Each structure stands twice: as structure tokens, then as C-alpha cells.
Protein backbone atom coordinates (compact mmCIF):
# COMPACT_ATOMS: atom_id res chain seq x y z
CA UNK A 1 0.00 0.00 0.00
CA UNK A 2 1.07 3.54 -0.73
CA UNK A 3 -1.35 5.66 1.28
CA UNK A 4 -1.08 9.40 0.90
CA UNK A 5 -2.98 12.22 2.57
CA UNK A 6 -3.91 15.48 0.90
CA UNK A 7 -6.31 18.37 1.25
CA UNK A 8 -9.64 18.28 -0.55
CA UNK A 9 -9.85 20.27 -3.78
CA UNK A 10 -13.52 20.74 -4.64
CA UNK A 11 -12.77 21.45 -8.30
CA UNK A 12 -11.01 18.10 -8.69
CA UNK A 13 -12.41 15.88 -5.93
CA UNK A 14 -16.14 16.52 -5.77
CA UNK A 15 -17.01 13.94 -8.44
CA UNK A 16 -14.38 11.31 -7.43
CA UNK A 17 -15.55 11.37 -3.79
CA UNK A 18 -19.11 10.89 -4.99
CA UNK A 19 -17.94 7.95 -7.11
CA UNK A 20 -16.17 6.53 -4.04
CA UNK A 21 -19.44 6.65 -2.10
CA UNK A 22 -21.30 4.90 -4.93
CA UNK A 23 -18.66 2.18 -5.30
CA UNK A 24 -18.56 1.36 -1.57
CA UNK A 25 -22.29 1.44 -0.91
CA UNK A 26 -23.77 -1.63 0.77
CA UNK A 27 -27.48 -2.55 0.93
CA UNK A 28 -29.34 -0.89 3.81
CA UNK A 29 -26.52 1.69 3.85
CA UNK A 30 -24.48 -0.73 5.99
CA UNK A 31 -21.31 0.78 4.58
CA UNK A 32 -22.12 3.59 6.99
CA UNK A 33 -20.94 6.29 4.61
CA UNK A 34 -22.91 9.23 3.25
CA UNK A 35 -25.27 8.21 0.47
CA UNK A 36 -23.88 9.86 -2.65
CA UNK A 37 -26.89 12.20 -2.98
CA UNK A 38 -26.19 13.53 0.53
CA UNK A 39 -22.70 14.50 -0.66
CA UNK A 40 -24.26 16.42 -3.56
CA UNK A 41 -26.88 18.03 -1.34
CA UNK A 42 -24.11 19.17 1.00
CA UNK A 43 -22.27 20.93 -1.82
CA UNK A 44 -25.41 22.57 -3.16
CA UNK A 45 -26.62 23.82 0.21
CA UNK A 46 -26.80 27.63 0.45
CA UNK A 47 -25.33 27.57 3.96
CA UNK A 48 -22.24 25.52 3.11
CA UNK A 49 -19.02 27.13 4.38
CA UNK A 50 -17.18 27.07 1.07
CA UNK A 51 -14.19 28.97 2.46
CA UNK A 52 -13.19 26.00 4.62
CA UNK A 53 -13.54 23.19 2.08
CA UNK A 54 -9.77 22.79 1.81
CA UNK A 55 -9.75 21.68 5.47
CA UNK A 56 -11.47 18.46 4.41
CA UNK A 57 -9.01 15.56 4.37
CA UNK A 58 -8.64 12.92 1.64
CA UNK A 59 -6.64 9.67 1.86
CA UNK A 60 -5.58 7.81 -1.28
CA UNK A 61 -3.92 4.48 -1.95
CA UNK A 62 -2.10 4.42 -5.29
CA UNK A 63 -4.27 7.28 -6.51
CA UNK A 64 -7.57 5.70 -5.39
CA UNK A 65 -9.63 7.44 -2.68
CA UNK A 66 -9.97 5.27 0.44
CA UNK A 67 -11.06 7.78 3.06
CA UNK A 68 -12.54 11.26 3.49
CA UNK A 69 -13.20 13.27 6.64
CA UNK A 70 -15.36 16.36 6.29
CA UNK A 71 -17.92 18.67 7.84
CA UNK A 72 -21.40 18.97 6.34
CA UNK A 73 -22.32 22.66 6.42
CA UNK A 74 -19.93 24.31 8.85
CA UNK A 75 -16.83 23.65 10.92
CA UNK A 76 -17.34 21.85 14.19
CA UNK A 77 -18.64 18.67 12.54
CA UNK A 78 -16.75 15.52 11.61
CA UNK A 79 -18.08 12.88 9.21
CA UNK A 80 -15.96 9.90 8.20
CA UNK A 81 -16.26 8.12 4.84
CA UNK A 82 -14.09 5.01 4.86
CA UNK A 83 -13.32 2.16 2.48
CA UNK A 84 -13.96 -1.12 4.36
CA UNK A 85 -10.38 -2.23 3.82
CA UNK A 86 -8.90 0.89 5.42
CA UNK A 87 -10.57 1.12 8.81
CA UNK A 88 -7.12 1.37 10.37
CA UNK A 89 -7.13 5.00 9.19
CA UNK A 90 -9.79 5.98 11.73
CA UNK A 91 -7.38 7.31 14.40
CA UNK A 92 -5.55 9.40 11.80
CA UNK A 93 -8.81 10.70 10.38
CA UNK A 94 -10.05 11.65 13.84
CA UNK A 95 -6.80 13.47 14.53
CA UNK A 96 -7.22 15.45 11.31
CA UNK A 97 -10.79 16.37 12.26
CA UNK A 98 -9.64 17.61 15.68
CA UNK A 99 -6.84 19.67 14.17
CA UNK A 100 -8.69 21.22 11.23
CA UNK A 101 -12.47 20.76 11.42
CA UNK A 102 -13.08 22.07 14.93
CA UNK A 103 -15.62 24.78 15.65
CA UNK A 104 -15.43 27.56 18.21
CA UNK A 105 -17.84 28.49 20.97
CA UNK A 106 -18.64 32.13 21.70
CA UNK A 107 -16.19 31.98 24.61
CA UNK A 108 -13.43 30.79 22.26
CA UNK A 109 -13.41 27.13 23.29
CA UNK A 110 -12.83 24.69 20.47
CA UNK A 111 -15.07 21.66 20.01
CA UNK A 112 -15.73 18.83 17.59
CA UNK A 113 -18.93 16.89 17.05
CA UNK A 114 -17.90 13.57 15.52
CA UNK A 115 -20.62 11.41 13.97
CA UNK A 116 -20.23 7.64 14.27
CA UNK A 117 -22.73 4.92 13.36
CA UNK A 118 -23.96 2.86 16.30
CA UNK A 119 -22.98 -0.42 14.61
CA UNK A 120 -19.34 0.70 14.35
CA UNK A 121 -18.22 -0.49 17.79
CA UNK A 122 -14.55 -0.04 16.94
CA UNK A 123 -15.05 3.64 16.19
CA UNK A 124 -17.26 4.11 19.26
CA UNK A 125 -14.47 2.67 21.41
CA UNK A 126 -12.05 5.12 19.78
CA UNK A 127 -14.38 8.00 20.65
CA UNK A 128 -14.52 6.96 24.29
CA UNK A 129 -10.76 6.46 24.53
CA UNK A 130 -10.22 9.99 23.19
CA UNK A 131 -12.50 11.61 25.75
CA UNK A 132 -15.62 12.11 23.65
CA UNK A 133 -19.06 12.02 25.22
CA UNK A 134 -22.26 11.03 23.45
CA UNK A 135 -24.60 13.91 22.64
CA UNK A 136 -27.98 12.26 22.13
CA UNK A 137 -29.68 15.55 21.22
CA UNK A 138 -27.78 15.70 17.93
CA UNK A 139 -27.94 12.04 16.92
CA UNK A 140 -29.00 11.35 13.34
CA UNK A 141 -31.26 8.52 12.27
CA UNK A 142 -31.22 6.75 8.91
CA UNK A 143 -34.56 5.26 7.91
CA UNK A 144 -35.54 3.23 4.88
CA UNK A 145 -38.69 2.56 2.89
CA UNK A 146 -38.74 -0.60 0.81
CA UNK A 147 -40.23 0.19 -2.57
CA UNK A 148 -42.66 -2.37 -3.90
CA UNK A 149 -43.47 -2.56 -7.59
CA UNK A 150 -45.64 -1.03 -8.82
CA UNK A 151 -45.35 1.77 -6.27
CA UNK A 152 -48.67 3.59 -6.42
CA UNK A 153 -49.36 5.49 -3.18
CA UNK A 154 -52.81 6.88 -2.54
CA UNK A 155 -52.27 10.59 -1.91
CA UNK A 156 -55.42 12.54 -2.76
CA UNK A 157 -55.33 16.32 -2.50
CA UNK A 158 -58.16 18.71 -1.60
CA UNK A 159 -59.85 20.60 -4.40
CA UNK A 160 -57.80 23.51 -5.65
CA UNK A 161 -54.42 22.04 -4.67
CA UNK A 162 -52.12 20.61 -7.31
CA UNK A 163 -48.98 18.47 -7.34
CA UNK A 164 -46.24 19.58 -9.69
CA UNK A 165 -42.55 18.97 -10.23
CA UNK A 166 -40.01 21.73 -10.68
CA UNK A 167 -39.76 20.62 -14.29
CA UNK A 168 -43.26 22.06 -14.66
CA UNK A 169 -43.11 24.99 -12.25
CA UNK A 170 -39.74 26.19 -10.95
CA UNK A 171 -40.42 29.49 -9.19
CA UNK A 172 -37.34 30.21 -7.06
CA UNK A 173 -39.12 32.83 -4.95
CA UNK A 174 -41.90 30.38 -4.07
CA UNK A 175 -39.35 27.65 -3.30
CA UNK A 176 -37.46 29.99 -0.98
CA UNK A 177 -40.65 31.00 0.79
CA UNK A 178 -41.80 27.40 1.21
CA UNK A 179 -38.46 26.32 2.68
CA UNK A 180 -38.14 29.41 4.87
CA UNK A 181 -41.59 28.95 6.37
CA UNK A 182 -41.42 25.15 6.30
CA UNK A 183 -38.25 25.09 8.39
CA UNK A 184 -39.80 27.54 10.88
CA UNK A 185 -37.44 30.42 10.20
CA UNK A 186 -40.28 32.96 10.33
CA UNK A 187 -43.31 34.25 8.52
CA UNK A 188 -41.67 35.63 5.40
CA UNK A 189 -38.04 35.52 4.21
CA UNK A 190 -36.37 38.93 4.63
CA UNK A 191 -35.29 38.72 1.01
CA UNK A 192 -35.52 36.06 -1.65
CA UNK A 193 -32.37 33.91 -1.81
CA UNK A 194 -32.35 33.43 -5.57
CA UNK A 195 -28.64 32.60 -5.70
CA UNK A 196 -28.96 30.00 -2.93
CA UNK A 197 -31.83 28.28 -4.70
CA UNK A 198 -29.94 28.32 -8.00
CA UNK A 199 -26.98 26.77 -6.21
CA UNK A 200 -29.18 23.97 -4.85
CA UNK A 201 -30.19 23.11 -8.39
CA UNK A 202 -26.68 23.33 -9.85
CA UNK A 203 -25.19 20.02 -8.67
CA UNK A 204 -24.92 17.29 -11.33
CA UNK A 205 -27.64 14.89 -10.21
CA UNK A 206 -30.28 17.40 -9.19
CA UNK A 207 -33.38 16.60 -11.23
CA UNK A 208 -36.24 19.06 -11.45
CA UNK A 209 -38.64 16.25 -12.34
CA UNK A 210 -37.91 14.54 -8.99
CA UNK A 211 -38.41 17.65 -6.87
CA UNK A 212 -42.07 17.95 -5.98
CA UNK A 213 -44.18 20.87 -4.79
CA UNK A 214 -47.80 21.15 -3.73
CA UNK A 215 -49.36 24.31 -5.15
CA UNK A 216 -52.17 26.04 -3.23
CA UNK A 217 -55.09 27.80 -4.91
CA UNK A 218 -53.31 31.15 -4.44
CA UNK A 219 -50.29 29.82 -6.36
CA UNK A 220 -47.91 29.53 -3.40
CA UNK A 221 -46.02 26.33 -2.70
CA UNK A 222 -47.23 24.83 0.58
CA UNK A 223 -45.03 21.71 0.60
CA UNK A 224 -41.71 20.78 -0.97
CA UNK A 225 -39.99 17.40 -1.23
CA UNK A 226 -36.60 17.02 -2.82
CA UNK A 227 -35.84 13.54 -4.14
CA UNK A 228 -32.63 12.14 -5.59
CA UNK A 229 -32.12 8.96 -7.56
CA UNK A 230 -28.88 7.00 -7.31
CA UNK A 231 -28.97 4.86 -10.44
CA UNK A 232 -26.04 2.50 -9.80
CA UNK A 233 -27.37 1.16 -6.50
CA UNK A 234 -31.03 1.84 -7.30
CA UNK A 235 -32.17 3.91 -4.37
CA UNK A 236 -34.00 7.16 -3.74
CA UNK A 237 -32.83 9.72 -1.20
CA UNK A 238 -35.26 12.23 0.27
CA UNK A 239 -33.91 15.69 1.12
CA UNK A 240 -35.11 18.36 1.87
CA UNK A 241 -38.76 18.18 2.96
CA UNK A 242 -40.76 21.09 4.32
CA UNK A 243 -44.41 22.02 4.75
CA UNK A 244 -45.74 25.51 5.39
CA UNK A 245 -46.91 25.58 9.04
CA UNK A 246 -50.33 26.86 7.97
CA UNK A 247 -50.88 23.68 5.92
CA UNK A 248 -49.49 20.91 8.11
CA UNK A 249 -51.36 17.71 9.01
CA UNK A 250 -53.33 17.81 5.78
CA UNK A 251 -51.32 15.26 3.81
CA UNK A 252 -49.42 17.71 1.61
CA UNK A 253 -45.92 16.75 2.75
CA UNK A 254 -46.80 13.08 2.50
CA UNK A 255 -48.12 13.51 -1.03
CA UNK A 256 -44.97 15.33 -2.14
CA UNK A 257 -42.58 12.79 -0.60
CA UNK A 258 -44.39 9.73 -1.96
CA UNK A 259 -44.70 11.23 -5.42
CA UNK A 260 -40.94 11.76 -5.52
CA UNK A 261 -40.37 8.18 -4.39
CA UNK A 262 -42.91 6.93 -6.94
CA UNK A 263 -41.00 8.64 -9.73
CA UNK A 264 -37.75 7.11 -8.50
CA UNK A 265 -39.46 3.72 -8.39
CA UNK A 266 -40.30 4.12 -12.08
CA UNK A 267 -36.58 4.66 -12.67
CA UNK A 268 -35.75 1.43 -10.80
CA UNK A 269 -35.37 2.46 -7.14
CA UNK A 270 -35.80 -0.49 -4.79
CA UNK A 271 -35.57 1.48 -1.53
CA UNK A 272 -35.75 5.07 -0.36
CA UNK A 273 -33.70 6.61 2.44
CA UNK A 274 -34.35 9.60 4.67
CA UNK A 275 -32.26 10.94 7.52
CA UNK A 276 -35.07 11.00 10.06
CA UNK A 277 -37.25 8.81 12.23
CA UNK A 278 -40.09 11.31 12.69
CA UNK A 279 -43.62 9.84 12.93
CA UNK A 280 -44.32 11.70 9.68
CA UNK A 281 -42.00 9.30 7.84
CA UNK A 282 -42.96 6.26 9.89
CA UNK A 283 -46.57 6.78 8.80
CA UNK A 284 -45.43 6.29 5.19
CA UNK A 285 -43.65 3.03 6.00
CA UNK A 286 -40.09 4.26 6.64
CA UNK A 287 -38.35 2.15 9.27
CA UNK A 288 -35.26 2.97 11.34
CA UNK A 289 -32.05 1.37 10.07
CA UNK A 290 -29.41 2.76 12.41
CA UNK A 291 -28.40 5.77 14.46
CA UNK A 292 -25.45 7.96 13.61
CA UNK A 293 -24.49 9.08 17.10
CA UNK A 294 -22.97 12.45 17.82
CA UNK A 295 -19.88 12.39 20.03
CA UNK A 296 -18.66 15.75 21.33
CA UNK A 297 -15.34 16.81 22.78
CA UNK A 298 -14.17 20.20 23.99
CA UNK A 299 -10.64 20.26 22.68
CA UNK A 300 -9.25 22.91 25.06
CA UNK A 301 -10.09 20.85 28.15
CA UNK A 302 -7.21 18.65 29.36
């Protein structure tokens, strides 16, 4: 083996890291890595700290990527993508995360939230031996829906409401409003984030026909469900999902999510993943697969 470490270069590495995630995927996401669409969603997110991307670490063996440690949106997070034959790199990857991916508290203290799957006992033991403590409040859940064929969910809508894809109706202002209100940021966005919404749609595998909105009689979008299709491993990935608080508990979010999954099923998807275990998803048939636990350490405490 000739393992080399280098800094991440988004212009050169974005696609190869995505390919690495596709190649090492295991059924039920038992590889434990990011699903490839999550890697794309990360890079298209308006809140991504692009200035710090070169702090991401990449490990290669003879020119082939075997490990990546990165944050998702901002520093202070550590996610570990590892080839199954290179798990011995975990201590080195954790050291890199502590040295380069740390965040800072308002009082100046440095911290790292490292995310480790609950079935990776070796990595959990490493967390404990390095003084990390589990932070249950920030744990992440991966859930899965098995897609039967034909996948034909029953999702009726009230009169006057319509289901559309962004291929039919791609109003960036309405998308921004739906996501702003749907994620409980406030009544109305202070200004329309056109550039952020364009960025979300700029990554290679974003498909307007798989992104679903529910349109109210007044023309506003009241629910949004983003869906991604990973063709090699035949799965759908659901992200993001939001429903306007004035229209919740009326089946709009459910209709949008299941329509996106239905379209992926037509393309060959056998399962759908979502990073949540909310009753909203359970009611559609999503079942918990595993927990990605958050382990936190304050790095200035000795």
C-alpha cells in the first residue's frame, strides 16, 4: 500500500468522492458512509461554508480514494467516509478532524462533534478512549422505505391544490418562501435567496422532475420534497422536505414525498432513504435502520 494524505480540492475531488461513495455502498446503507446524494446536497446547500472546504481531508492508496473526513455545512462537525479495507485510518482521520475541522464556541473554546454509526463499535471505542461524550440531542437517524413494484401510493389532495414537479413549475421565490416557512425560520423571508436556490439546483444529479411541490389555490407552494435517484445502487434519497406551518397535518408533505419516491421507483429504485425517524415518515412506512451518534469533545479541556 502507498497511502497518501492530501487536502480536498472541490474542483477536482467533488465527483471522485461521490464515485467513491457509490462504489462502496452496501445494501441498507451498511457501509455507513454518506449516500452519494447527501454529498451532492451538502455541496449545493446555500449555507455551506465554502471557504473551509480545503480543510477536508482525503486519503488515497495508489491514486484511489480510500477515506474522506469532512464537515457537512460548517466547521465543528466531523463525518468519516471510509473504504472497508482501510478502517485502520480511523485514528488518523479523527486526529485530522480535531486539528482542522473544529468549531469555536462564543467563549473561544474549540469543540468537535464527531458522527459515528452505532454499529461501528470499533469507532465508538475510539471516541470513548479519546475523551468524547455522546450527545444524544444531535444524533442522526437513517430510515428506509422498501419500494414495492408497482409503487402507487394513494395521496389525494383537496380541491384547488395541485402536485407539480419543478420541471413544470420552478419558481425560485416560491421555493425559498416554502423552505423558509417550512423550516420555521419565520413568517416571510427577509429577502428572496435566488442565488442560494440556484446553487441547490446546480449540482450534477439534481433533477427538477424529482423535486415535488404542492401548489395552493393562491399559487404559493405549501409543501416541498426534494428527491434524488442513485442509479447504480437503485435507491432514492429524500432531502429536503418542508411544509408551510399553515398547511401541516393535511397530507401535503406526504403527497410530495411519496410522489418523488414513486418517480424514482419508475426509474428502478428499490428502496428510499431519509435521515429522520419522525412519525411523519414512519406513517409512510419508513423504518429505522441505524443511528449515527454524535460524540462531542471540547478540545481545550485537558
